[in-house]
């Protein structure tokens, strides 16, 4: 397994800026659903459990 890097910065109460090896993206949370600028949707199903679409 290789080395990975990710830095997350809060831009507001529900908005984050994510910086990683593959580039920069923004994400916005609305309840249990998180949508990022790359089109990825994540739904939180419970504590520590999520489903990525």
Protein backbone atom coordinates (compact mmCIF):
# COMPACT_ATOMS: atom_id res chain seq x y z
CA UNK A 1 0.00 0.00 0.00
CA UNK A 2 1.35 3.41 -0.95
CA UNK A 3 1.53 6.66 0.92
CA UNK A 4 -1.55 8.87 0.68
CA UNK A 5 -2.11 12.55 1.47
CA UNK A 6 -5.25 14.53 2.16
CA UNK A 7 -5.80 17.89 3.83
CA UNK A 8 -9.29 19.17 4.64
CA UNK A 9 -10.06 22.80 5.48
CA UNK A 10 -13.40 24.15 6.67
CA UNK A 11 -14.74 27.05 4.60
CA UNK A 12 -18.01 27.36 6.49
CA UNK A 13 -20.31 25.40 8.72
CA UNK A 14 -21.20 22.82 6.04
CA UNK A 15 -18.57 23.44 3.33
CA UNK A 16 -15.05 22.00 3.09
CA UNK A 17 -12.09 22.30 0.73
CA UNK A 18 -10.22 19.04 0.19
CA UNK A 19 -6.64 18.92 -1.10
CA UNK A 20 -5.09 15.56 -2.05
CA UNK A 21 -2.61 14.00 -4.43
CA UNK A 22 -5.28 13.79 -7.13
CA UNK A 23 -6.25 17.48 -6.90
CA UNK A 24 -8.56 19.92 -5.16
CA UNK A 25 -12.30 19.52 -4.58
CA UNK A 26 -15.02 21.13 -2.49
CA UNK A 27 -17.75 19.32 -0.59
CA UNK A 28 -21.08 20.44 0.84
CA UNK A 29 -23.07 18.59 3.50
CA UNK A 30 -26.87 18.60 3.81
CA UNK A 31 -28.01 16.36 6.66
CA UNK A 32 -26.66 12.82 6.15
CA UNK A 33 -25.82 13.51 2.47
CA UNK A 34 -22.50 14.93 1.25
CA UNK A 35 -21.95 16.03 -2.37
CA UNK A 36 -18.56 17.06 -3.70
CA UNK A 37 -17.53 19.06 -6.75
CA UNK A 38 -16.42 15.90 -8.59
CA UNK A 39 -19.97 14.53 -8.54
CA UNK A 40 -19.46 11.98 -5.78
CA UNK A 41 -22.38 11.52 -3.35
CA UNK A 42 -21.98 9.92 0.09
CA UNK A 43 -24.89 9.00 2.37
CA UNK A 44 -24.22 8.41 6.06
CA UNK A 45 -26.23 5.39 7.20
CA UNK A 46 -25.14 5.33 10.83
CA UNK A 47 -22.19 5.90 13.09
CA UNK A 48 -19.11 4.94 11.05
CA UNK A 49 -21.15 3.48 8.16
CA UNK A 50 -21.63 5.25 4.84
CA UNK A 51 -22.65 4.43 1.28
CA UNK A 52 -20.90 6.06 -1.66
CA UNK A 53 -22.77 6.47 -4.96
